[in-house]
Amino acid sequence: MVTTAGACRSESKAEAPPAPALAAAPEPPTELHGVGSVEGVDAAYDRSRQPARFVAALGLSPGQRVADVGAGLGYFTQRLAEAVGPTGQVVATDINDEVIQRLRARVLGRKNIEVRKVAPDAPGLEAGAYDLILLSEVDHFFADRVDYLTRLRPALAPQGRIAVTHLRAMRPPLVAAVQAAGYVIASEYNDLPDHYLLFLRPAVSP
């Protein structure tokens, strides 16, 4: 708040002229937490995540449809789009308006990427449409892992899979939720420095 100089003057002194109003300083960009990073920004993070190796491990094919759930700033989004090619599609979702705005700016002009805002407790994905649903460092944000995994099942294509990756310390609570949500662990990839990668399939067809 701007104050007037001499506001507590004695009545015998002349009133000082008001101080000039200061221009508001531009607000720094909001620091966002829990939204991942952008490849190439943090070399240590890139070494930990191994984006090229990770996306190759997903085994994607041209023409497939992928959901990048809780994509944040889209660390893997563009590599996923390259893996499925121009005939495929990546739907990147998040719940945060600022994140959505930043990600849309990053992927502007990429016709095979759609950025979509969703509710915290609803995936917002079409039924039977996705060959792969990726949950990357996001399942700990779910209010109920079992409920969210259950809600994802209808979105899977007949041979669709869910890929979950997180720090290895976060593996036990995810694994505990898998069976309760009606999935089996179809396979696991163990060649990442700090993260697990599990592939889930419904125990019965969705």
N, C-alpha and C. Protein backbone atom coordinates (compact mmCIF):
# COMPACT_ATOMS: atom_id res chain seq x y z
N MET A 1 0.86 -1.18 0.00
CA MET A 1 0.00 0.00 0.00
C MET A 1 0.89 1.22 0.00
N VAL A 2 0.60 2.24 -0.84
CA VAL A 2 1.39 3.45 -0.92
C VAL A 2 0.93 4.38 0.17
N THR A 3 1.84 4.94 0.98
CA THR A 3 1.48 5.88 2.04
C THR A 3 1.92 7.27 1.66
N THR A 4 1.39 8.29 2.32
CA THR A 4 1.74 9.68 2.06
C THR A 4 2.85 10.10 3.00
N ALA A 5 3.92 10.63 2.47
CA ALA A 5 5.03 11.06 3.30
C ALA A 5 4.56 12.12 4.27
N GLY A 6 5.04 12.09 5.52
CA GLY A 6 4.67 13.09 6.50
C GLY A 6 3.29 12.90 7.05
N ALA A 7 2.73 11.72 6.98
CA ALA A 7 1.37 11.50 7.46
C ALA A 7 1.26 11.74 8.95
N CYS A 8 2.38 11.61 9.70
CA CYS A 8 2.35 11.82 11.15
C CYS A 8 3.04 13.12 11.52
N ARG A 9 3.00 14.14 10.63
CA ARG A 9 3.66 15.43 10.85
C ARG A 9 3.02 16.17 12.01
N SER A 10 3.76 17.13 12.58
CA SER A 10 3.12 18.06 13.53
C SER A 10 2.42 19.13 12.75
N GLU A 11 1.41 19.79 13.31
CA GLU A 11 0.60 20.75 12.56
C GLU A 11 1.39 22.00 12.21
N SER A 12 2.55 22.20 12.87
CA SER A 12 3.33 23.39 12.59
C SER A 12 4.16 23.28 11.32
N LYS A 13 4.31 22.04 10.79
CA LYS A 13 5.13 21.84 9.60
C LYS A 13 4.27 21.85 8.35
N ALA A 14 4.85 22.26 7.25
CA ALA A 14 4.12 22.24 5.99
C ALA A 14 3.88 20.81 5.56
N GLU A 15 2.75 20.59 4.97
CA GLU A 15 2.41 19.24 4.51
C GLU A 15 3.27 18.87 3.32
N ALA A 16 3.91 17.75 3.41
CA ALA A 16 4.76 17.28 2.32
C ALA A 16 3.89 16.81 1.16
N PRO A 17 4.36 16.99 -0.07
CA PRO A 17 3.57 16.49 -1.22
C PRO A 17 3.50 14.98 -1.18
N PRO A 18 2.41 14.43 -1.71
CA PRO A 18 2.27 12.98 -1.70
C PRO A 18 3.36 12.32 -2.53
N ALA A 19 3.80 11.18 -2.05
CA ALA A 19 4.83 10.44 -2.78
C ALA A 19 4.24 9.92 -4.08
N PRO A 20 5.01 9.90 -5.14
CA PRO A 20 4.48 9.36 -6.41
C PRO A 20 4.15 7.88 -6.28
N ALA A 21 3.06 7.52 -6.92
CA ALA A 21 2.66 6.11 -6.89
C ALA A 21 3.69 5.27 -7.64
N LEU A 22 4.04 4.15 -7.07
CA LEU A 22 5.01 3.27 -7.71
C LEU A 22 4.30 2.32 -8.66
N ALA A 23 4.88 2.11 -9.81
CA ALA A 23 4.30 1.16 -10.76
C ALA A 23 4.42 -0.25 -10.18
N ALA A 24 3.37 -1.02 -10.35
CA ALA A 24 3.39 -2.39 -9.82
C ALA A 24 4.43 -3.21 -10.56
N ALA A 25 5.23 -3.91 -9.79
CA ALA A 25 6.25 -4.76 -10.41
C ALA A 25 5.59 -5.94 -11.11
N PRO A 26 6.08 -6.36 -12.25
CA PRO A 26 5.47 -7.51 -12.93
C PRO A 26 5.58 -8.75 -12.06
N GLU A 27 4.52 -9.53 -12.01
CA GLU A 27 4.51 -10.73 -11.20
C GLU A 27 5.38 -11.80 -11.86
N PRO A 28 6.21 -12.48 -11.08
CA PRO A 28 7.02 -13.56 -11.66
C PRO A 28 6.12 -14.72 -12.04
N PRO A 29 6.54 -15.55 -12.99
CA PRO A 29 5.73 -16.71 -13.35
C PRO A 29 5.47 -17.59 -12.13
N THR A 30 4.28 -18.11 -12.04
CA THR A 30 3.93 -18.97 -10.93
C THR A 30 4.79 -20.23 -10.95
N GLU A 31 5.35 -20.55 -9.80
CA GLU A 31 6.11 -21.79 -9.70
C GLU A 31 5.14 -22.92 -9.43
N LEU A 32 5.12 -23.87 -10.31
CA LEU A 32 4.17 -24.97 -10.19
C LEU A 32 4.88 -26.19 -9.64
N HIS A 33 4.20 -26.88 -8.75
CA HIS A 33 4.76 -28.07 -8.14
C HIS A 33 3.95 -29.29 -8.56
N GLY A 34 4.63 -30.42 -8.66
CA GLY A 34 3.94 -31.66 -8.96
C GLY A 34 3.48 -31.77 -10.40
N VAL A 35 4.13 -31.03 -11.32
CA VAL A 35 3.70 -31.07 -12.72
C VAL A 35 4.83 -31.54 -13.64
N GLY A 36 5.85 -32.15 -13.04
CA GLY A 36 6.93 -32.67 -13.86
C GLY A 36 7.83 -31.57 -14.38
N SER A 37 8.41 -31.81 -15.53
CA SER A 37 9.36 -30.87 -16.10
C SER A 37 9.21 -30.89 -17.61
N VAL A 38 10.12 -30.24 -18.27
CA VAL A 38 10.19 -30.23 -19.73
C VAL A 38 11.55 -30.78 -20.11
N GLU A 39 11.57 -31.71 -21.02
CA GLU A 39 12.83 -32.34 -21.41
C GLU A 39 13.83 -31.29 -21.88
N GLY A 40 15.07 -31.41 -21.41
CA GLY A 40 16.11 -30.48 -21.79
C GLY A 40 16.33 -29.34 -20.82
N VAL A 41 15.45 -29.19 -19.83
CA VAL A 41 15.57 -28.10 -18.86
C VAL A 41 16.48 -28.49 -17.71
N ASP A 42 16.37 -29.71 -17.25
CA ASP A 42 17.12 -30.19 -16.07
C ASP A 42 17.82 -31.50 -16.45
N ALA A 43 19.14 -31.41 -16.60
CA ALA A 43 19.90 -32.57 -17.07
C ALA A 43 19.80 -33.74 -16.09
N ALA A 44 19.79 -33.45 -14.79
CA ALA A 44 19.69 -34.53 -13.80
C ALA A 44 18.34 -35.23 -13.88
N TYR A 45 17.30 -34.46 -14.10
CA TYR A 45 15.96 -35.04 -14.24
C TYR A 45 15.89 -35.91 -15.50
N ASP A 46 16.48 -35.43 -16.58
CA ASP A 46 16.50 -36.20 -17.82
C ASP A 46 17.25 -37.52 -17.64
N ARG A 47 18.35 -37.47 -16.89
CA ARG A 47 19.11 -38.71 -16.65
C ARG A 47 18.28 -39.69 -15.84
N SER A 48 17.48 -39.18 -14.92
CA SER A 48 16.64 -40.04 -14.11
C SER A 48 15.49 -40.64 -14.90
N ARG A 49 14.87 -39.82 -15.73
CA ARG A 49 13.67 -40.26 -16.45
C ARG A 49 13.98 -41.03 -17.73
N GLN A 50 15.14 -40.77 -18.37
CA GLN A 50 15.52 -41.48 -19.59
C GLN A 50 14.38 -41.48 -20.62
N PRO A 51 13.98 -40.29 -21.12
CA PRO A 51 12.78 -40.22 -21.94
C PRO A 51 12.81 -41.07 -23.20
N ALA A 52 13.93 -41.12 -23.91
CA ALA A 52 13.98 -41.93 -25.13
C ALA A 52 13.82 -43.41 -24.81
N ARG A 53 14.55 -43.88 -23.80
CA ARG A 53 14.47 -45.28 -23.40
C ARG A 53 13.07 -45.62 -22.88
N PHE A 54 12.51 -44.69 -22.12
CA PHE A 54 11.19 -44.93 -21.54
C PHE A 54 10.12 -45.09 -22.62
N VAL A 55 10.07 -44.15 -23.55
CA VAL A 55 9.03 -44.20 -24.58
C VAL A 55 9.23 -45.42 -25.47
N ALA A 56 10.47 -45.79 -25.75
CA ALA A 56 10.72 -47.00 -26.52
C ALA A 56 10.17 -48.23 -25.80
N ALA A 57 10.31 -48.24 -24.46
CA ALA A 57 9.83 -49.38 -23.67
C ALA A 57 8.31 -49.53 -23.70
N LEU A 58 7.60 -48.47 -24.06
CA LEU A 58 6.13 -48.54 -24.11
C LEU A 58 5.65 -49.37 -25.30
N GLY A 59 6.49 -49.56 -26.30
CA GLY A 59 6.14 -50.41 -27.43
C GLY A 59 4.99 -49.87 -28.27
N LEU A 60 4.98 -48.58 -28.48
CA LEU A 60 3.91 -47.97 -29.26
C LEU A 60 4.12 -48.17 -30.75
N SER A 61 3.02 -48.12 -31.49
CA SER A 61 3.05 -48.29 -32.94
C SER A 61 2.35 -47.12 -33.61
N PRO A 62 2.75 -46.79 -34.85
CA PRO A 62 2.06 -45.73 -35.58
C PRO A 62 0.56 -46.00 -35.68
N GLY A 63 -0.21 -44.95 -35.50
CA GLY A 63 -1.65 -45.06 -35.61
C GLY A 63 -2.36 -45.33 -34.30
N GLN A 64 -1.61 -45.60 -33.23
CA GLN A 64 -2.26 -45.88 -31.95
C GLN A 64 -2.71 -44.59 -31.26
N ARG A 65 -3.62 -44.79 -30.31
CA ARG A 65 -4.13 -43.66 -29.53
C ARG A 65 -3.69 -43.82 -28.08
N VAL A 66 -3.11 -42.75 -27.54
CA VAL A 66 -2.52 -42.78 -26.20
C VAL A 66 -3.12 -41.67 -25.36
N ALA A 67 -3.39 -41.95 -24.09
CA ALA A 67 -3.79 -40.92 -23.13
C ALA A 67 -2.64 -40.70 -22.16
N ASP A 68 -2.18 -39.47 -22.06
CA ASP A 68 -1.14 -39.07 -21.12
C ASP A 68 -1.86 -38.41 -19.95
N VAL A 69 -2.24 -39.21 -18.96
CA VAL A 69 -3.10 -38.73 -17.87
C VAL A 69 -2.26 -38.00 -16.82
N GLY A 70 -2.72 -36.80 -16.45
CA GLY A 70 -1.94 -35.99 -15.53
C GLY A 70 -0.63 -35.58 -16.16
N ALA A 71 -0.70 -35.13 -17.39
CA ALA A 71 0.51 -34.86 -18.19
C ALA A 71 1.36 -33.74 -17.63
N GLY A 72 0.76 -32.85 -16.85
CA GLY A 72 1.52 -31.71 -16.34
C GLY A 72 2.05 -30.87 -17.47
N LEU A 73 3.34 -30.55 -17.43
CA LEU A 73 3.96 -29.74 -18.48
C LEU A 73 4.29 -30.57 -19.71
N GLY A 74 3.95 -31.85 -19.69
CA GLY A 74 4.07 -32.67 -20.89
C GLY A 74 5.46 -33.22 -21.14
N TYR A 75 6.09 -33.73 -20.07
CA TYR A 75 7.46 -34.22 -20.22
C TYR A 75 7.58 -35.28 -21.32
N PHE A 76 6.62 -36.21 -21.38
CA PHE A 76 6.67 -37.27 -22.39
C PHE A 76 5.75 -37.01 -23.58
N THR A 77 4.91 -36.00 -23.53
CA THR A 77 3.82 -35.85 -24.49
C THR A 77 4.29 -35.82 -25.94
N GLN A 78 5.29 -35.02 -26.23
CA GLN A 78 5.72 -34.89 -27.62
C GLN A 78 6.42 -36.16 -28.11
N ARG A 79 7.17 -36.83 -27.25
CA ARG A 79 7.77 -38.10 -27.66
C ARG A 79 6.69 -39.16 -27.92
N LEU A 80 5.65 -39.15 -27.13
CA LEU A 80 4.53 -40.08 -27.38
C LEU A 80 3.92 -39.80 -28.75
N ALA A 81 3.75 -38.52 -29.07
CA ALA A 81 3.17 -38.14 -30.36
C ALA A 81 4.06 -38.59 -31.51
N GLU A 82 5.37 -38.50 -31.33
CA GLU A 82 6.29 -38.97 -32.37
C GLU A 82 6.19 -40.48 -32.54
N ALA A 83 6.00 -41.19 -31.42
CA ALA A 83 5.94 -42.65 -31.48
C ALA A 83 4.71 -43.16 -32.21
N VAL A 84 3.57 -42.45 -32.07
CA VAL A 84 2.34 -42.91 -32.73
C VAL A 84 2.18 -42.30 -34.12
N GLY A 85 3.00 -41.30 -34.43
CA GLY A 85 3.01 -40.75 -35.78
C GLY A 85 1.79 -39.91 -36.11
N PRO A 86 1.76 -39.36 -37.32
CA PRO A 86 0.68 -38.46 -37.72
C PRO A 86 -0.68 -39.12 -37.80
N THR A 87 -0.72 -40.44 -37.92
CA THR A 87 -2.01 -41.13 -37.96
C THR A 87 -2.49 -41.53 -36.57
N GLY A 88 -1.65 -41.36 -35.57
CA GLY A 88 -2.05 -41.64 -34.20
C GLY A 88 -2.48 -40.38 -33.49
N GLN A 89 -2.77 -40.52 -32.19
CA GLN A 89 -3.17 -39.36 -31.41
C GLN A 89 -2.75 -39.52 -29.96
N VAL A 90 -2.37 -38.41 -29.36
CA VAL A 90 -2.10 -38.35 -27.92
C VAL A 90 -3.06 -37.35 -27.31
N VAL A 91 -3.79 -37.79 -26.29
CA VAL A 91 -4.66 -36.91 -25.52
C VAL A 91 -3.98 -36.70 -24.18
N ALA A 92 -3.51 -35.47 -23.94
CA ALA A 92 -2.82 -35.13 -22.70
C ALA A 92 -3.78 -34.41 -21.78
N THR A 93 -3.98 -34.93 -20.57
CA THR A 93 -4.96 -34.36 -19.66
C THR A 93 -4.29 -33.80 -18.40
N ASP A 94 -4.95 -32.82 -17.80
CA ASP A 94 -4.54 -32.32 -16.50
C ASP A 94 -5.71 -31.57 -15.88
N ILE A 95 -5.58 -31.27 -14.58
CA ILE A 95 -6.67 -30.59 -13.87
C ILE A 95 -6.37 -29.12 -13.63
N ASN A 96 -5.15 -28.68 -13.94
CA ASN A 96 -4.68 -27.35 -13.59
C ASN A 96 -4.76 -26.42 -14.80
N ASP A 97 -5.47 -25.30 -14.66
CA ASP A 97 -5.66 -24.37 -15.78
C ASP A 97 -4.34 -23.82 -16.31
N GLU A 98 -3.44 -23.42 -15.41
CA GLU A 98 -2.17 -22.84 -15.85
C GLU A 98 -1.32 -23.87 -16.58
N VAL A 99 -1.32 -25.09 -16.06
CA VAL A 99 -0.58 -26.16 -16.72
C VAL A 99 -1.13 -26.41 -18.11
N ILE A 100 -2.45 -26.47 -18.21
CA ILE A 100 -3.10 -26.69 -19.50
C ILE A 100 -2.69 -25.60 -20.49
N GLN A 101 -2.68 -24.35 -20.04
CA GLN A 101 -2.32 -23.24 -20.91
C GLN A 101 -0.88 -23.37 -21.39
N ARG A 102 0.02 -23.70 -20.49
CA ARG A 102 1.43 -23.83 -20.86
C ARG A 102 1.65 -24.99 -21.82
N LEU A 103 0.99 -26.11 -21.55
CA LEU A 103 1.17 -27.27 -22.41
C LEU A 103 0.61 -27.01 -23.80
N ARG A 104 -0.54 -26.36 -23.87
CA ARG A 104 -1.10 -26.04 -25.19
C ARG A 104 -0.16 -25.16 -25.99
N ALA A 105 0.50 -24.23 -25.32
CA ALA A 105 1.46 -23.36 -26.02
C ALA A 105 2.65 -24.17 -26.52
N ARG A 106 3.09 -25.15 -25.74
CA ARG A 106 4.24 -25.97 -26.12
C ARG A 106 3.96 -26.85 -27.33
N VAL A 107 2.74 -27.35 -27.45
CA VAL A 107 2.44 -28.31 -28.52
C VAL A 107 1.64 -27.67 -29.65
N LEU A 108 1.58 -26.36 -29.65
CA LEU A 108 0.84 -25.66 -30.69
C LEU A 108 1.33 -26.09 -32.07
N GLY A 109 0.39 -26.47 -32.92
CA GLY A 109 0.73 -26.90 -34.27
C GLY A 109 0.92 -28.40 -34.40
N ARG A 110 0.96 -29.15 -33.29
CA ARG A 110 1.06 -30.60 -33.36
C ARG A 110 -0.35 -31.18 -33.50
N LYS A 111 -0.70 -31.56 -34.70
CA LYS A 111 -2.07 -31.96 -34.99
C LYS A 111 -2.47 -33.27 -34.31
N ASN A 112 -1.50 -34.07 -33.92
CA ASN A 112 -1.86 -35.34 -33.30
C ASN A 112 -1.78 -35.30 -31.77
N ILE A 113 -1.79 -34.07 -31.20
CA ILE A 113 -1.85 -33.90 -29.75
C ILE A 113 -3.06 -33.06 -29.39
N GLU A 114 -3.88 -33.58 -28.49
CA GLU A 114 -4.99 -32.82 -27.93
C GLU A 114 -4.74 -32.64 -26.44
N VAL A 115 -4.82 -31.40 -25.97
CA VAL A 115 -4.67 -31.10 -24.55
C VAL A 115 -6.05 -30.86 -23.97
N ARG A 116 -6.35 -31.56 -22.89
CA ARG A 116 -7.72 -31.60 -22.38
C ARG A 116 -7.74 -31.40 -20.86
N LYS A 117 -8.56 -30.47 -20.38
CA LYS A 117 -8.73 -30.31 -18.94
C LYS A 117 -9.79 -31.29 -18.45
N VAL A 118 -9.51 -31.93 -17.31
CA VAL A 118 -10.43 -32.91 -16.75
C VAL A 118 -10.64 -32.63 -15.27
N ALA A 119 -11.63 -33.28 -14.69
CA ALA A 119 -11.89 -33.17 -13.26
C ALA A 119 -10.93 -34.06 -12.48
N PRO A 120 -10.66 -33.73 -11.22
CA PRO A 120 -9.70 -34.52 -10.44
C PRO A 120 -10.10 -35.98 -10.28
N ASP A 121 -11.40 -36.27 -10.25
CA ASP A 121 -11.84 -37.65 -9.97
C ASP A 121 -12.40 -38.36 -11.20
N ALA A 122 -12.21 -37.78 -12.39
CA ALA A 122 -12.76 -38.38 -13.61
C ALA A 122 -11.74 -38.28 -14.74
N PRO A 123 -11.38 -39.40 -15.36
CA PRO A 123 -10.37 -39.35 -16.43
C PRO A 123 -10.77 -38.52 -17.63
N GLY A 124 -12.06 -38.45 -17.95
CA GLY A 124 -12.49 -37.66 -19.09
C GLY A 124 -12.05 -38.23 -20.42
N LEU A 125 -12.04 -39.57 -20.53
CA LEU A 125 -11.59 -40.23 -21.75
C LEU A 125 -12.73 -41.03 -22.38
N GLU A 126 -12.76 -41.09 -23.70
CA GLU A 126 -13.81 -41.81 -24.42
C GLU A 126 -13.72 -43.31 -24.19
N ALA A 127 -14.84 -43.96 -24.22
CA ALA A 127 -14.88 -45.41 -23.99
C ALA A 127 -14.26 -46.16 -25.16
N GLY A 128 -13.49 -47.20 -24.83
CA GLY A 128 -12.95 -48.12 -25.83
C GLY A 128 -12.00 -47.52 -26.83
N ALA A 129 -11.34 -46.40 -26.50
CA ALA A 129 -10.62 -45.65 -27.51
C ALA A 129 -9.10 -45.70 -27.40
N TYR A 130 -8.53 -46.19 -26.30
CA TYR A 130 -7.10 -45.98 -26.05
C TYR A 130 -6.32 -47.29 -26.02
N ASP A 131 -5.26 -47.31 -26.83
CA ASP A 131 -4.37 -48.47 -26.85
C ASP A 131 -3.44 -48.46 -25.64
N LEU A 132 -3.11 -47.27 -25.15
CA LEU A 132 -2.27 -47.15 -23.98
C LEU A 132 -2.70 -45.94 -23.18
N ILE A 133 -2.81 -46.11 -21.86
CA ILE A 133 -3.05 -45.00 -20.95
C ILE A 133 -1.83 -44.91 -20.04
N LEU A 134 -1.17 -43.76 -20.06
CA LEU A 134 0.06 -43.57 -19.28
C LEU A 134 -0.24 -42.77 -18.01
N LEU A 135 0.20 -43.31 -16.88
CA LEU A 135 0.17 -42.61 -15.60
C LEU A 135 1.62 -42.44 -15.16
N SER A 136 2.16 -41.26 -15.35
CA SER A 136 3.56 -41.00 -15.03
C SER A 136 3.67 -40.09 -13.81
N GLU A 137 4.16 -40.65 -12.71
CA GLU A 137 4.34 -39.91 -11.46
C GLU A 137 3.07 -39.15 -11.08
N VAL A 138 1.93 -39.82 -11.20
CA VAL A 138 0.67 -39.12 -10.93
C VAL A 138 -0.25 -39.86 -9.98
N ASP A 139 -0.08 -41.20 -9.83
CA ASP A 139 -1.08 -41.96 -9.07
C ASP A 139 -1.15 -41.56 -7.60
N HIS A 140 -0.07 -40.98 -7.04
CA HIS A 140 -0.11 -40.56 -5.64
C HIS A 140 -1.02 -39.35 -5.42
N PHE A 141 -1.41 -38.67 -6.51
CA PHE A 141 -2.34 -37.55 -6.40
C PHE A 141 -3.80 -37.99 -6.34
N PHE A 142 -4.09 -39.23 -6.74
CA PHE A 142 -5.47 -39.70 -6.75
C PHE A 142 -6.01 -39.79 -5.33
N ALA A 143 -7.22 -39.32 -5.12
CA ALA A 143 -7.84 -39.45 -3.80
C ALA A 143 -8.02 -40.92 -3.44
N ASP A 144 -8.25 -41.76 -4.46
CA ASP A 144 -8.45 -43.20 -4.25
C ASP A 144 -7.91 -43.91 -5.49
N ARG A 145 -6.76 -44.55 -5.35
CA ARG A 145 -6.14 -45.23 -6.50
C ARG A 145 -7.07 -46.27 -7.11
N VAL A 146 -7.70 -47.08 -6.26
CA VAL A 146 -8.58 -48.15 -6.75
C VAL A 146 -9.71 -47.56 -7.57
N ASP A 147 -10.34 -46.52 -7.06
CA ASP A 147 -11.46 -45.90 -7.77
C ASP A 147 -11.02 -45.33 -9.11
N TYR A 148 -9.86 -44.64 -9.14
CA TYR A 148 -9.42 -44.03 -10.39
C TYR A 148 -9.05 -45.08 -11.43
N LEU A 149 -8.32 -46.10 -11.00
CA LEU A 149 -7.98 -47.18 -11.93
C LEU A 149 -9.24 -47.85 -12.47
N THR A 150 -10.23 -48.01 -11.62
CA THR A 150 -11.50 -48.60 -12.06
C THR A 150 -12.16 -47.73 -13.12
N ARG A 151 -12.09 -46.43 -12.92
CA ARG A 151 -12.70 -45.49 -13.88
C ARG A 151 -11.97 -45.47 -15.22
N LEU A 152 -10.70 -45.86 -15.22
CA LEU A 152 -9.95 -45.89 -16.48
C LEU A 152 -10.31 -47.07 -17.37
N ARG A 153 -10.77 -48.14 -16.79
CA ARG A 153 -10.98 -49.38 -17.56
C ARG A 153 -11.86 -49.21 -18.79
N PRO A 154 -13.00 -48.50 -18.69
CA PRO A 154 -13.84 -48.38 -19.89
C PRO A 154 -13.17 -47.68 -21.06
N ALA A 155 -12.14 -46.89 -20.80
CA ALA A 155 -11.49 -46.13 -21.88
C ALA A 155 -10.53 -46.99 -22.70
N LEU A 156 -10.18 -48.17 -22.20
CA LEU A 156 -9.22 -49.01 -22.91
C LEU A 156 -9.84 -49.67 -24.14
N ALA A 157 -9.06 -49.71 -25.21
CA ALA A 157 -9.43 -50.50 -26.38
C ALA A 157 -9.35 -51.98 -26.00
N PRO A 158 -9.90 -52.88 -26.82
CA PRO A 158 -9.93 -54.31 -26.45
C PRO A 158 -8.58 -54.88 -26.02
N GLN A 159 -7.50 -54.48 -26.64
CA GLN A 159 -6.18 -54.97 -26.24
C GLN A 159 -5.35 -53.87 -25.54
N GLY A 160 -6.05 -52.90 -25.01
CA GLY A 160 -5.38 -51.76 -24.42
C GLY A 160 -4.69 -52.07 -23.11
N ARG A 161 -3.69 -51.24 -22.78
CA ARG A 161 -2.90 -51.42 -21.57
C ARG A 161 -2.82 -50.09 -20.81
N ILE A 162 -2.55 -50.20 -19.52
CA ILE A 162 -2.21 -49.04 -18.71
C ILE A 162 -0.75 -49.17 -18.31
N ALA A 163 0.02 -48.13 -18.54
CA ALA A 163 1.42 -48.10 -18.13
C ALA A 163 1.55 -47.14 -16.96
N VAL A 164 2.12 -47.62 -15.87
CA VAL A 164 2.30 -46.79 -14.68
C VAL A 164 3.78 -46.72 -14.36
N THR A 165 4.29 -45.50 -14.19
CA THR A 165 5.69 -45.32 -13.81
C THR A 165 5.79 -44.31 -12.68
N HIS A 166 6.69 -44.60 -11.76
CA HIS A 166 6.90 -43.72 -10.61
C HIS A 166 8.23 -44.12 -9.98
N LEU A 167 8.66 -43.35 -9.00
CA LEU A 167 9.83 -43.74 -8.23
C LEU A 167 9.57 -45.09 -7.57
N ARG A 168 10.61 -45.88 -7.44
CA ARG A 168 10.42 -47.25 -6.95
C ARG A 168 9.81 -47.30 -5.56
N ALA A 169 10.06 -46.29 -4.74
CA ALA A 169 9.47 -46.26 -3.40
C ALA A 169 7.95 -46.15 -3.45
N MET A 170 7.41 -45.70 -4.59
CA MET A 170 5.97 -45.53 -4.74
C MET A 170 5.29 -46.76 -5.33
N ARG A 171 6.05 -47.81 -5.58
CA ARG A 171 5.48 -49.00 -6.20
C ARG A 171 4.48 -49.75 -5.31
N PRO A 172 4.76 -49.99 -4.02
CA PRO A 172 3.85 -50.81 -3.21
C PRO A 172 2.39 -50.34 -3.16
N PRO A 173 2.10 -49.04 -2.95
CA PRO A 173 0.69 -48.67 -2.91
C PRO A 173 -0.03 -48.84 -4.25
N LEU A 174 0.72 -48.67 -5.34
CA LEU A 174 0.11 -48.89 -6.66
C LEU A 174 -0.22 -50.36 -6.87
N VAL A 175 0.74 -51.22 -6.55
CA VAL A 175 0.54 -52.65 -6.72
C VAL A 175 -0.63 -53.13 -5.86
N ALA A 176 -0.77 -52.58 -4.67
CA ALA A 176 -1.87 -52.97 -3.79
C ALA A 176 -3.23 -52.62 -4.39
N ALA A 177 -3.26 -51.53 -5.19
CA ALA A 177 -4.52 -51.10 -5.78
C ALA A 177 -4.87 -51.85 -7.06
N VAL A 178 -3.88 -52.45 -7.69
CA VAL A 178 -4.07 -53.06 -9.01
C VAL A 178 -5.12 -54.17 -8.98
N GLN A 179 -4.93 -55.13 -8.10
CA GLN A 179 -5.86 -56.26 -8.07
C GLN A 179 -7.25 -55.83 -7.63
N ALA A 180 -7.31 -54.94 -6.65
CA ALA A 180 -8.60 -54.46 -6.16
C ALA A 180 -9.39 -53.75 -7.25
N ALA A 181 -8.68 -53.15 -8.20
CA ALA A 181 -9.33 -52.43 -9.29
C ALA A 181 -9.63 -53.33 -10.49
N GLY A 182 -9.28 -54.62 -10.39
CA GLY A 182 -9.62 -55.55 -11.46
C GLY A 182 -8.59 -55.66 -12.56
N TYR A 183 -7.31 -55.47 -12.20
CA TYR A 183 -6.23 -55.57 -13.19
C TYR A 183 -5.24 -56.67 -12.78
N VAL A 184 -4.42 -57.04 -13.74
CA VAL A 184 -3.25 -57.88 -13.48
C VAL A 184 -2.04 -57.15 -14.02
N ILE A 185 -0.88 -57.42 -13.43
CA ILE A 185 0.37 -56.87 -13.97
C ILE A 185 0.82 -57.77 -15.11
N ALA A 186 0.71 -57.27 -16.32
CA ALA A 186 1.04 -58.07 -17.50
C ALA A 186 2.55 -58.19 -17.69
N SER A 187 3.29 -57.12 -17.37
CA SER A 187 4.74 -57.15 -17.52
C SER A 187 5.32 -55.97 -16.76
N GLU A 188 6.65 -56.00 -16.63
CA GLU A 188 7.35 -54.92 -15.93
C GLU A 188 8.67 -54.65 -16.63
N TYR A 189 9.01 -53.38 -16.74
CA TYR A 189 10.28 -52.96 -17.34
C TYR A 189 11.18 -52.43 -16.24
N ASN A 190 12.39 -52.98 -16.14
CA ASN A 190 13.25 -52.68 -15.00
C ASN A 190 14.55 -51.97 -15.37
N ASP A 191 14.61 -51.39 -16.55
CA ASP A 191 15.88 -50.81 -17.01
C ASP A 191 15.88 -49.28 -16.93
N LEU A 192 15.27 -48.73 -15.88
CA LEU A 192 15.29 -47.29 -15.65
C LEU A 192 16.04 -47.02 -14.35
N PRO A 193 16.75 -45.90 -14.25
CA PRO A 193 17.60 -45.68 -13.08
C PRO A 193 16.85 -45.62 -11.75
N ASP A 194 15.75 -44.89 -11.71
CA ASP A 194 15.08 -44.63 -10.43
C ASP A 194 13.61 -45.01 -10.41
N HIS A 195 13.05 -45.37 -11.55
CA HIS A 195 11.61 -45.55 -11.68
C HIS A 195 11.25 -47.00 -12.05
N TYR A 196 10.11 -47.43 -11.58
CA TYR A 196 9.53 -48.68 -12.07
C TYR A 196 8.62 -48.36 -13.26
N LEU A 197 8.34 -49.34 -14.05
CA LEU A 197 7.37 -49.23 -15.14
C LEU A 197 6.58 -50.53 -15.21
N LEU A 198 5.31 -50.44 -14.86
CA LEU A 198 4.41 -51.60 -14.88
C LEU A 198 3.39 -51.45 -16.00
N PHE A 199 3.06 -52.57 -16.63
CA PHE A 199 2.00 -52.60 -17.63
C PHE A 199 0.83 -53.41 -17.06
N LEU A 200 -0.33 -52.79 -17.04
CA LEU A 200 -1.52 -53.41 -16.47
C LEU A 200 -2.51 -53.74 -17.58
N ARG A 201 -3.18 -54.85 -17.42
CA ARG A 201 -4.31 -55.21 -18.27
C ARG A 201 -5.49 -55.59 -17.38
N PRO A 202 -6.70 -55.34 -17.85
CA PRO A 202 -7.87 -55.79 -17.07
C PRO A 202 -7.84 -57.30 -16.88
N ALA A 203 -8.22 -57.75 -15.70
CA ALA A 203 -8.28 -59.17 -15.44
C ALA A 203 -9.34 -59.84 -16.31
N VAL A 204 -10.39 -59.07 -16.60
CA VAL A 204 -11.39 -59.49 -17.57
C VAL A 204 -11.59 -58.33 -18.52
N SER A 205 -12.11 -58.61 -19.71
CA SER A 205 -12.28 -57.56 -20.71
C SER A 205 -13.20 -56.46 -20.18
N PRO A 206 -12.84 -55.18 -20.41
CA PRO A 206 -13.71 -54.09 -19.95
C PRO A 206 -15.02 -54.07 -20.70
